[in-house]
Amino acid sequence: TLIAENKINFQAYIYVFVSIVNIAIALLLCPKLGVLGA
């Protein structure tokens, strides 16, 4: 529906934030926990 009604900008904002969180946590945990940190 977001696509059909041209409101995917809201989804884009969320995905940007989530990707930043994912990378930040991965860089913090992966050196010690490896695949578990990912």
PDB file of all heavy atoms in Angstrom:
ATOM      1  N   THR A   1       0.832  -1.211   0.000  1.00  0.00           N
ATOM      2  CA  THR A   1       0.000   0.000   0.000  1.00  0.00           C
ATOM      3  C   THR A   1       0.861   1.253   0.000  1.00  0.00           C
ATOM      4  O   THR A   1       0.519   2.256  -0.646  1.00  0.00           O
ATOM      5  CB  THR A   1      -0.938   0.002   1.222  1.00  0.00           C
ATOM      6  OG1 THR A   1      -1.722  -1.189   1.227  1.00  0.00           O
ATOM      7  CG2 THR A   1      -1.869   1.211   1.186  1.00  0.00           C
ATOM      8  N   LEU A   2       1.971   1.240   0.709  1.00  0.00           N
ATOM      9  CA  LEU A   2       2.889   2.386   0.696  1.00  0.00           C
ATOM     10  C   LEU A   2       3.371   2.661  -0.726  1.00  0.00           C
ATOM     11  O   LEU A   2       3.522   3.826  -1.133  1.00  0.00           O
ATOM     12  CB  LEU A   2       4.082   2.123   1.616  1.00  0.00           C
ATOM     13  CG  LEU A   2       3.806   2.108   3.123  1.00  0.00           C
ATOM     14  CD1 LEU A   2       5.057   1.705   3.888  1.00  0.00           C
ATOM     15  CD2 LEU A   2       3.324   3.475   3.587  1.00  0.00           C
ATOM     16  N   ILE A   3       3.610   1.596  -1.484  1.00  0.00           N
ATOM     17  CA  ILE A   3       4.028   1.751  -2.883  1.00  0.00           C
ATOM     18  C   ILE A   3       2.878   2.281  -3.724  1.00  0.00           C
ATOM     19  O   ILE A   3       3.040   3.233  -4.497  1.00  0.00           O
ATOM     20  CB  ILE A   3       4.522   0.405  -3.451  1.00  0.00           C
ATOM     21  CG1 ILE A   3       5.786  -0.055  -2.717  1.00  0.00           C
ATOM     22  CG2 ILE A   3       4.781   0.512  -4.955  1.00  0.00           C
ATOM     23  CD1 ILE A   3       6.246  -1.447  -3.113  1.00  0.00           C
ATOM     24  N   ALA A   4       1.698   1.681  -3.568  1.00  0.00           N
ATOM     25  CA  ALA A   4       0.542   2.064  -4.377  1.00  0.00           C
ATOM     26  C   ALA A   4       0.130   3.510  -4.144  1.00  0.00           C
ATOM     27  O   ALA A   4      -0.342   4.188  -5.065  1.00  0.00           O
ATOM     28  CB  ALA A   4      -0.636   1.138  -4.068  1.00  0.00           C
ATOM     29  N   GLU A   5       0.327   4.023  -2.917  1.00  0.00           N
ATOM     30  CA  GLU A   5      -0.114   5.371  -2.582  1.00  0.00           C
ATOM     31  C   GLU A   5       1.025   6.378  -2.511  1.00  0.00           C
ATOM     32  O   GLU A   5       0.860   7.481  -1.978  1.00  0.00           O
ATOM     33  CB  GLU A   5      -0.875   5.333  -1.249  1.00  0.00           C
ATOM     34  CG  GLU A   5      -2.143   4.475  -1.303  1.00  0.00           C
ATOM     35  CD  GLU A   5      -2.983   4.555  -0.042  1.00  0.00           C
ATOM     36  OE1 GLU A   5      -2.547   5.200   0.934  1.00  0.00           O
ATOM     37  OE2 GLU A   5      -4.083   3.982  -0.038  1.00  0.00           O
ATOM     38  N   ASN A   6       2.195   6.006  -3.056  1.00  0.00           N
ATOM     39  CA  ASN A   6       3.354   6.914  -3.119  1.00  0.00           C
ATOM     40  C   ASN A   6       3.748   7.463  -1.744  1.00  0.00           C
ATOM     41  O   ASN A   6       4.052   8.648  -1.582  1.00  0.00           O
ATOM     42  CB  ASN A   6       3.071   8.078  -4.080  1.00  0.00           C
ATOM     43  CG  ASN A   6       3.084   7.660  -5.527  1.00  0.00           C
ATOM     44  OD1 ASN A   6       3.868   6.791  -5.916  1.00  0.00           O
ATOM     45  ND2 ASN A   6       2.208   8.235  -6.329  1.00  0.00           N
ATOM     46  N   LYS A   7       3.760   6.588  -0.748  1.00  0.00           N
ATOM     47  CA  LYS A   7       4.144   6.992   0.604  1.00  0.00           C
ATOM     48  C   LYS A   7       5.344   6.181   1.100  1.00  0.00           C
ATOM     49  O   LYS A   7       5.538   6.021   2.308  1.00  0.00           O
ATOM     50  CB  LYS A   7       2.964   6.817   1.557  1.00  0.00           C
ATOM     51  CG  LYS A   7       1.796   7.747   1.252  1.00  0.00           C
ATOM     52  CD  LYS A   7       0.617   7.516   2.197  1.00  0.00           C
ATOM     53  CE  LYS A   7      -0.533   8.462   1.861  1.00  0.00           C
ATOM     54  NZ  LYS A   7      -1.721   8.223   2.722  1.00  0.00           N
ATOM     55  N   ILE A   8       6.145   5.711   0.156  1.00  0.00           N
ATOM     56  CA  ILE A   8       7.279   4.861   0.544  1.00  0.00           C
ATOM     57  C   ILE A   8       8.413   5.654   1.186  1.00  0.00           C
ATOM     58  O   ILE A   8       9.369   5.069   1.688  1.00  0.00           O
ATOM     59  CB  ILE A   8       7.830   4.058  -0.649  1.00  0.00           C
ATOM     60  CG1 ILE A   8       8.299   4.994  -1.777  1.00  0.00           C
ATOM     61  CG2 ILE A   8       6.797   3.084  -1.170  1.00  0.00           C
ATOM     62  CD1 ILE A   8       9.018   4.261  -2.877  1.00  0.00           C
ATOM     63  N   ASN A   9       8.294   7.005   1.192  1.00  0.00           N
ATOM     64  CA  ASN A   9       9.314   7.796   1.868  1.00  0.00           C
ATOM     65  C   ASN A   9       9.369   7.474   3.358  1.00  0.00           C
ATOM     66  O   ASN A   9      10.442   7.497   3.976  1.00  0.00           O
ATOM     67  CB  ASN A   9       9.064   9.289   1.661  1.00  0.00           C
ATOM     68  CG  ASN A   9       7.690   9.733   2.107  1.00  0.00           C
ATOM     69  OD1 ASN A   9       6.692   9.109   1.751  1.00  0.00           O
ATOM     70  ND2 ASN A   9       7.621  10.809   2.863  1.00  0.00           N
ATOM     71  N   PHE A  10       8.209   7.134   3.950  1.00  0.00           N
ATOM     72  CA  PHE A  10       8.194   6.758   5.371  1.00  0.00           C
ATOM     73  C   PHE A  10       8.972   5.467   5.593  1.00  0.00           C
ATOM     74  O   PHE A  10       9.716   5.333   6.571  1.00  0.00           O
ATOM     75  CB  PHE A  10       6.747   6.599   5.850  1.00  0.00           C
ATOM     76  CG  PHE A  10       5.974   7.887   5.881  1.00  0.00           C
ATOM     77  CD1 PHE A  10       5.129   8.227   4.836  1.00  0.00           C
ATOM     78  CD2 PHE A  10       6.101   8.756   6.957  1.00  0.00           C
ATOM     79  CE1 PHE A  10       4.417   9.414   4.861  1.00  0.00           C
ATOM     80  CE2 PHE A  10       5.393   9.944   6.994  1.00  0.00           C
ATOM     81  CZ  PHE A  10       4.547  10.276   5.937  1.00  0.00           C
ATOM     82  N   GLN A  11       8.802   4.518   4.687  1.00  0.00           N
ATOM     83  CA  GLN A  11       9.554   3.269   4.771  1.00  0.00           C
ATOM     84  C   GLN A  11      11.043   3.529   4.586  1.00  0.00           C
ATOM     85  O   GLN A  11      11.877   2.901   5.249  1.00  0.00           O
ATOM     86  CB  GLN A  11       9.053   2.283   3.711  1.00  0.00           C
ATOM     87  CG  GLN A  11       9.677   0.910   3.805  1.00  0.00           C
ATOM     88  CD  GLN A  11       9.095  -0.062   2.794  1.00  0.00           C
ATOM     89  OE1 GLN A  11       8.135   0.250   2.090  1.00  0.00           O
ATOM     90  NE2 GLN A  11       9.668  -1.249   2.704  1.00  0.00           N
ATOM     91  N   ALA A  12      11.380   4.462   3.709  1.00  0.00           N
ATOM     92  CA  ALA A  12      12.781   4.795   3.457  1.00  0.00           C
ATOM     93  C   ALA A  12      13.445   5.361   4.713  1.00  0.00           C
ATOM     94  O   ALA A  12      14.583   4.985   5.054  1.00  0.00           O
ATOM     95  CB  ALA A  12      12.886   5.798   2.316  1.00  0.00           C
ATOM     96  N   TYR A  13      12.753   6.262   5.422  1.00  0.00           N
ATOM     97  CA  TYR A  13      13.309   6.823   6.656  1.00  0.00           C
ATOM     98  C   TYR A  13      13.625   5.708   7.659  1.00  0.00           C
ATOM     99  O   TYR A  13      14.695   5.714   8.289  1.00  0.00           O
ATOM    100  CB  TYR A  13      12.308   7.794   7.300  1.00  0.00           C
ATOM    101  CG  TYR A  13      11.931   8.991   6.449  1.00  0.00           C
ATOM    102  CD1 TYR A  13      10.637   9.507   6.486  1.00  0.00           C
ATOM    103  CD2 TYR A  13      12.864   9.599   5.620  1.00  0.00           C
ATOM    104  CE1 TYR A  13      10.278  10.598   5.705  1.00  0.00           C
ATOM    105  CE2 TYR A  13      12.521  10.693   4.832  1.00  0.00           C
ATOM    106  CZ  TYR A  13      11.215  11.189   4.874  1.00  0.00           C
ATOM    107  OH  TYR A  13      10.868  12.264   4.105  1.00  0.00           O
ATOM    108  N   ILE A  14      12.700   4.780   7.801  1.00  0.00           N
ATOM    109  CA  ILE A  14      12.882   3.680   8.758  1.00  0.00           C
ATOM    110  C   ILE A  14      14.057   2.799   8.364  1.00  0.00           C
ATOM    111  O   ILE A  14      14.884   2.428   9.208  1.00  0.00           O
ATOM    112  CB  ILE A  14      11.588   2.847   8.853  1.00  0.00           C
ATOM    113  CG1 ILE A  14      10.473   3.674   9.491  1.00  0.00           C
ATOM    114  CG2 ILE A  14      11.823   1.564   9.658  1.00  0.00           C
ATOM    115  CD1 ILE A  14       9.108   3.025   9.436  1.00  0.00           C
ATOM    116  N   TYR A  15      14.162   2.480   7.064  1.00  0.00           N
ATOM    117  CA  TYR A  15      15.245   1.612   6.605  1.00  0.00           C
ATOM    118  C   TYR A  15      16.617   2.256   6.787  1.00  0.00           C
ATOM    119  O   TYR A  15      17.602   1.563   7.086  1.00  0.00           O
ATOM    120  CB  TYR A  15      15.022   1.233   5.144  1.00  0.00           C
ATOM    121  CG  TYR A  15      14.116   0.036   4.957  1.00  0.00           C
ATOM    122  CD1 TYR A  15      12.912  -0.065   5.648  1.00  0.00           C
ATOM    123  CD2 TYR A  15      14.448  -0.993   4.106  1.00  0.00           C
ATOM    124  CE1 TYR A  15      12.075  -1.154   5.486  1.00  0.00           C
ATOM    125  CE2 TYR A  15      13.614  -2.099   3.920  1.00  0.00           C
ATOM    126  CZ  TYR A  15      12.426  -2.158   4.621  1.00  0.00           C
ATOM    127  OH  TYR A  15      11.605  -3.242   4.467  1.00  0.00           O
ATOM    128  N   VAL A  16      16.702   3.564   6.610  1.00  0.00           N
ATOM    129  CA  VAL A  16      17.972   4.265   6.835  1.00  0.00           C
ATOM    130  C   VAL A  16      18.387   4.134   8.294  1.00  0.00           C
ATOM    131  O   VAL A  16      19.529   3.778   8.617  1.00  0.00           O
ATOM    132  CB  VAL A  16      17.861   5.751   6.442  1.00  0.00           C
ATOM    133  CG1 VAL A  16      19.098   6.517   6.908  1.00  0.00           C
ATOM    134  CG2 VAL A  16      17.704   5.898   4.934  1.00  0.00           C
ATOM    135  N   PHE A  17      17.449   4.416   9.179  1.00  0.00           N
ATOM    136  CA  PHE A  17      17.731   4.335  10.614  1.00  0.00           C
ATOM    137  C   PHE A  17      18.116   2.921  11.026  1.00  0.00           C
ATOM    138  O   PHE A  17      19.100   2.712  11.753  1.00  0.00           O
ATOM    139  CB  PHE A  17      16.504   4.810  11.396  1.00  0.00           C
ATOM    140  CG  PHE A  17      16.649   4.689  12.888  1.00  0.00           C
ATOM    141  CD1 PHE A  17      17.521   5.521  13.581  1.00  0.00           C
ATOM    142  CD2 PHE A  17      15.923   3.736  13.597  1.00  0.00           C
ATOM    143  CE1 PHE A  17      17.663   5.402  14.964  1.00  0.00           C
ATOM    144  CE2 PHE A  17      16.063   3.609  14.965  1.00  0.00           C
ATOM    145  CZ  PHE A  17      16.935   4.451  15.650  1.00  0.00           C
ATOM    146  N   VAL A  18      17.366   1.941  10.553  1.00  0.00           N
ATOM    147  CA  VAL A  18      17.621   0.545  10.901  1.00  0.00           C
ATOM    148  C   VAL A  18      18.984   0.085  10.390  1.00  0.00           C
ATOM    149  O   VAL A  18      19.713  -0.632  11.090  1.00  0.00           O
ATOM    150  CB  VAL A  18      16.495  -0.349  10.341  1.00  0.00           C
ATOM    151  CG1 VAL A  18      16.901  -1.818  10.377  1.00  0.00           C
ATOM    152  CG2 VAL A  18      15.219  -0.151  11.135  1.00  0.00           C
ATOM    153  N   SER A  19      19.358   0.494   9.202  1.00  0.00           N
ATOM    154  CA  SER A  19      20.658   0.103   8.636  1.00  0.00           C
ATOM    155  C   SER A  19      21.816   0.686   9.438  1.00  0.00           C
ATOM    156  O   SER A  19      22.831   0.013   9.668  1.00  0.00           O
ATOM    157  CB  SER A  19      20.753   0.570   7.180  1.00  0.00           C
ATOM    158  OG  SER A  19      19.789  -0.073   6.387  1.00  0.00           O
ATOM    159  N   ILE A  20      21.657   1.932   9.882  1.00  0.00           N
ATOM    160  CA  ILE A  20      22.692   2.560  10.707  1.00  0.00           C
ATOM    161  C   ILE A  20      22.841   1.814  12.027  1.00  0.00           C
ATOM    162  O   ILE A  20      23.957   1.531  12.489  1.00  0.00           O
ATOM    163  CB  ILE A  20      22.359   4.051  10.960  1.00  0.00           C
ATOM    164  CG1 ILE A  20      22.438   4.837   9.651  1.00  0.00           C
ATOM    165  CG2 ILE A  20      23.306   4.652  11.989  1.00  0.00           C
ATOM    166  CD1 ILE A  20      21.925   6.260   9.749  1.00  0.00           C
ATOM    167  N   VAL A  21      21.706   1.479  12.637  1.00  0.00           N
ATOM    168  CA  VAL A  21      21.725   0.713  13.896  1.00  0.00           C
ATOM    169  C   VAL A  21      22.392  -0.644  13.691  1.00  0.00           C
ATOM    170  O   VAL A  21      23.220  -1.075  14.507  1.00  0.00           O
ATOM    171  CB  VAL A  21      20.287   0.524  14.421  1.00  0.00           C
ATOM    172  CG1 VAL A  21      20.267  -0.457  15.596  1.00  0.00           C
ATOM    173  CG2 VAL A  21      19.688   1.851  14.849  1.00  0.00           C
ATOM    174  N   ASN A  22      22.053  -1.319  12.588  1.00  0.00           N
ATOM    175  CA  ASN A  22      22.611  -2.639  12.290  1.00  0.00           C
ATOM    176  C   ASN A  22      24.130  -2.585  12.155  1.00  0.00           C
ATOM    177  O   ASN A  22      24.854  -3.401  12.747  1.00  0.00           O
ATOM    178  CB  ASN A  22      21.990  -3.163  10.992  1.00  0.00           C
ATOM    179  CG  ASN A  22      22.591  -4.475  10.548  1.00  0.00           C
ATOM    180  OD1 ASN A  22      22.575  -5.458  11.265  1.00  0.00           O
ATOM    181  ND2 ASN A  22      23.156  -4.480   9.350  1.00  0.00           N
ATOM    182  N   ILE A  23      24.620  -1.628  11.373  1.00  0.00           N
ATOM    183  CA  ILE A  23      26.067  -1.507  11.162  1.00  0.00           C
ATOM    184  C   ILE A  23      26.782  -1.155  12.457  1.00  0.00           C
ATOM    185  O   ILE A  23      27.848  -1.714  12.773  1.00  0.00           O
ATOM    186  CB  ILE A  23      26.356  -0.456  10.071  1.00  0.00           C
ATOM    187  CG1 ILE A  23      25.827  -0.941   8.723  1.00  0.00           C
ATOM    188  CG2 ILE A  23      27.857  -0.178   9.970  1.00  0.00           C
ATOM    189  CD1 ILE A  23      25.876   0.118   7.635  1.00  0.00           C
ATOM    190  N   ALA A  24      26.218  -0.237  13.240  1.00  0.00           N
ATOM    191  CA  ALA A  24      26.846   0.188  14.491  1.00  0.00           C
ATOM    192  C   ALA A  24      26.978  -0.981  15.471  1.00  0.00           C
ATOM    193  O   ALA A  24      28.045  -1.196  16.065  1.00  0.00           O
ATOM    194  CB  ALA A  24      26.031   1.318  15.120  1.00  0.00           C
ATOM    195  N   ILE A  25      25.899  -1.744  15.633  1.00  0.00           N
ATOM    196  CA  ILE A  25      25.927  -2.884  16.557  1.00  0.00           C
ATOM    197  C   ILE A  25      26.878  -3.970  16.039  1.00  0.00           C
ATOM    198  O   ILE A  25      27.614  -4.594  16.809  1.00  0.00           O
ATOM    199  CB  ILE A  25      24.517  -3.460  16.758  1.00  0.00           C
ATOM    200  CG1 ILE A  25      23.601  -2.415  17.393  1.00  0.00           C
ATOM    201  CG2 ILE A  25      24.565  -4.708  17.638  1.00  0.00           C
ATOM    202  CD1 ILE A  25      22.162  -2.857  17.535  1.00  0.00           C
ATOM    203  N   ALA A  26      26.876  -4.195  14.704  1.00  0.00           N
ATOM    204  CA  ALA A  26      27.763  -5.213  14.118  1.00  0.00           C
ATOM    205  C   ALA A  26      29.230  -4.860  14.338  1.00  0.00           C
ATOM    206  O   ALA A  26      30.037  -5.726  14.707  1.00  0.00           O
ATOM    207  CB  ALA A  26      27.463  -5.357  12.631  1.00  0.00           C
ATOM    208  N   LEU A  27      29.597  -3.617  14.110  1.00  0.00           N
ATOM    209  CA  LEU A  27      30.988  -3.192  14.323  1.00  0.00           C
ATOM    210  C   LEU A  27      31.397  -3.315  15.784  1.00  0.00           C
ATOM    211  O   LEU A  27      32.569  -3.550  16.099  1.00  0.00           O
ATOM    212  CB  LEU A  27      31.164  -1.745  13.853  1.00  0.00           C
ATOM    213  CG  LEU A  27      31.093  -1.509  12.337  1.00  0.00           C
ATOM    214  CD1 LEU A  27      31.105  -0.022  12.017  1.00  0.00           C
ATOM    215  CD2 LEU A  27      32.256  -2.205  11.628  1.00  0.00           C
ATOM    216  N   LEU A  28      30.419  -3.180  16.680  1.00  0.00           N
ATOM    217  CA  LEU A  28      30.702  -3.284  18.107  1.00  0.00           C
ATOM    218  C   LEU A  28      30.850  -4.742  18.565  1.00  0.00           C
ATOM    219  O   LEU A  28      31.723  -5.059  19.382  1.00  0.00           O
ATOM    220  CB  LEU A  28      29.564  -2.613  18.892  1.00  0.00           C
ATOM    221  CG  LEU A  28      29.708  -2.561  20.421  1.00  0.00           C
ATOM    222  CD1 LEU A  28      30.889  -1.672  20.816  1.00  0.00           C
ATOM    223  CD2 LEU A  28      28.432  -2.052  21.064  1.00  0.00           C
ATOM    224  N   LEU A  29      30.029  -5.638  17.995  1.00  0.00           N
ATOM    225  CA  LEU A  29      29.971  -7.016  18.485  1.00  0.00           C
ATOM    226  C   LEU A  29      30.789  -8.023  17.677  1.00  0.00           C
ATOM    227  O   LEU A  29      31.287  -9.001  18.237  1.00  0.00           O
ATOM    228  CB  LEU A  29      28.509  -7.480  18.543  1.00  0.00           C
ATOM    229  CG  LEU A  29      27.561  -6.713  19.474  1.00  0.00           C
ATOM    230  CD1 LEU A  29      26.163  -7.315  19.415  1.00  0.00           C
ATOM    231  CD2 LEU A  29      28.076  -6.706  20.910  1.00  0.00           C
ATOM    232  N   CYS A  30      30.873  -7.829  16.359  1.00  0.00           N
ATOM    233  CA  CYS A  30      31.506  -8.842  15.501  1.00  0.00           C
ATOM    234  C   CYS A  30      32.975  -9.126  15.804  1.00  0.00           C
ATOM    235  O   CYS A  30      33.396 -10.282  15.683  1.00  0.00           O
ATOM    236  CB  CYS A  30      31.343  -8.455  14.026  1.00  0.00           C
ATOM    237  SG  CYS A  30      29.651  -8.686  13.414  1.00  0.00           S
ATOM    238  N   PRO A  31      33.787  -8.123  16.176  1.00  0.00           N
ATOM    239  CA  PRO A  31      35.190  -8.446  16.479  1.00  0.00           C
ATOM    240  C   PRO A  31      35.356  -9.486  17.586  1.00  0.00           C
ATOM    241  O   PRO A  31      36.282 -10.289  17.560  1.00  0.00           O
ATOM    242  CB  PRO A  31      35.774  -7.091  16.913  1.00  0.00           C
ATOM    243  CG  PRO A  31      34.929  -6.084  16.206  1.00  0.00           C
ATOM    244  CD  PRO A  31      33.549  -6.676  16.213  1.00  0.00           C
ATOM    245  N   LYS A  32      34.433  -9.514  18.563  1.00  0.00           N
ATOM    246  CA  LYS A  32      34.534 -10.459  19.672  1.00  0.00           C
ATOM    247  C   LYS A  32      33.640 -11.687  19.500  1.00  0.00           C
ATOM    248  O   LYS A  32      34.022 -12.796  19.878  1.00  0.00           O
ATOM    249  CB  LYS A  32      34.180  -9.755  20.985  1.00  0.00           C
ATOM    250  CG  LYS A  32      35.185  -8.689  21.407  1.00  0.00           C
ATOM    251  CD  LYS A  32      34.793  -8.093  22.756  1.00  0.00           C
ATOM    252  CE  LYS A  32      35.818  -7.046  23.207  1.00  0.00           C
ATOM    253  NZ  LYS A  32      35.453  -6.453  24.521  1.00  0.00           N
ATOM    254  N   LEU A  33      32.457 -11.477  18.924  1.00  0.00           N
ATOM    255  CA  LEU A  33      31.478 -12.572  18.848  1.00  0.00           C
ATOM    256  C   LEU A  33      31.373 -13.205  17.465  1.00  0.00           C
ATOM    257  O   LEU A  33      30.703 -14.226  17.314  1.00  0.00           O
ATOM    258  CB  LEU A  33      30.096 -12.062  19.276  1.00  0.00           C
ATOM    259  CG  LEU A  33      29.990 -11.507  20.702  1.00  0.00           C
ATOM    260  CD1 LEU A  33      28.582 -11.004  20.966  1.00  0.00           C
ATOM    261  CD2 LEU A  33      30.392 -12.558  21.724  1.00  0.00           C
ATOM    262  N   GLY A  34      31.990 -12.621  16.451  1.00  0.00           N
ATOM    263  CA  GLY A  34      31.955 -13.179  15.106  1.00  0.00           C
ATOM    264  C   GLY A  34      30.549 -13.248  14.542  1.00  0.00           C
ATOM    265  O   GLY A  34      29.787 -12.290  14.602  1.00  0.00           O
ATOM    266  N   VAL A  35      30.162 -14.433  14.036  1.00  0.00           N
ATOM    267  CA  VAL A  35      28.860 -14.586  13.386  1.00  0.00           C
ATOM    268  C   VAL A  35      27.712 -14.395  14.377  1.00  0.00           C
ATOM    269  O   VAL A  35      26.618 -13.928  13.995  1.00  0.00           O
ATOM    270  CB  VAL A  35      28.770 -15.977  12.712  1.00  0.00           C
ATOM    271  CG1 VAL A  35      28.680 -17.092  13.748  1.00  0.00           C
ATOM    272  CG2 VAL A  35      27.571 -16.053  11.774  1.00  0.00           C
ATOM    273  N   LEU A  36      27.920 -14.695  15.647  1.00  0.00           N
ATOM    274  CA  LEU A  36      26.883 -14.478  16.657  1.00  0.00           C
ATOM    275  C   LEU A  36      26.595 -12.983  16.815  1.00  0.00           C
ATOM    276  O   LEU A  36      25.434 -12.581  16.959  1.00  0.00           O
ATOM    277  CB  LEU A  36      27.311 -15.068  17.997  1.00  0.00           C
ATOM    278  CG  LEU A  36      26.310 -14.935  19.154  1.00  0.00           C
ATOM    279  CD1 LEU A  36      24.989 -15.605  18.796  1.00  0.00           C
ATOM    280  CD2 LEU A  36      26.887 -15.541  20.430  1.00  0.00           C
ATOM    281  N   GLY A  37      27.631 -12.179  16.745  1.00  0.00           N
ATOM    282  CA  GLY A  37      27.454 -10.730  16.816  1.00  0.00           C
ATOM    283  C   GLY A  37      26.646 -10.205  15.644  1.00  0.00           C
ATOM    284  O   GLY A  37      25.822  -9.295  15.790  1.00  0.00           O
ATOM    285  N   ALA A  38      26.872 -10.802  14.468  1.00  0.00           N
ATOM    286  CA  ALA A  38      26.109 -10.404  13.281  1.00  0.00           C
ATOM    287  C   ALA A  38      24.632 -10.730  13.461  1.00  0.00           C
ATOM    288  O   ALA A  38      23.756  -9.935  13.105  1.00  0.00           O
ATOM    289  CB  ALA A  38      26.658 -11.121  12.050  1.00  0.00           C
TER     290      ALA A  38
END
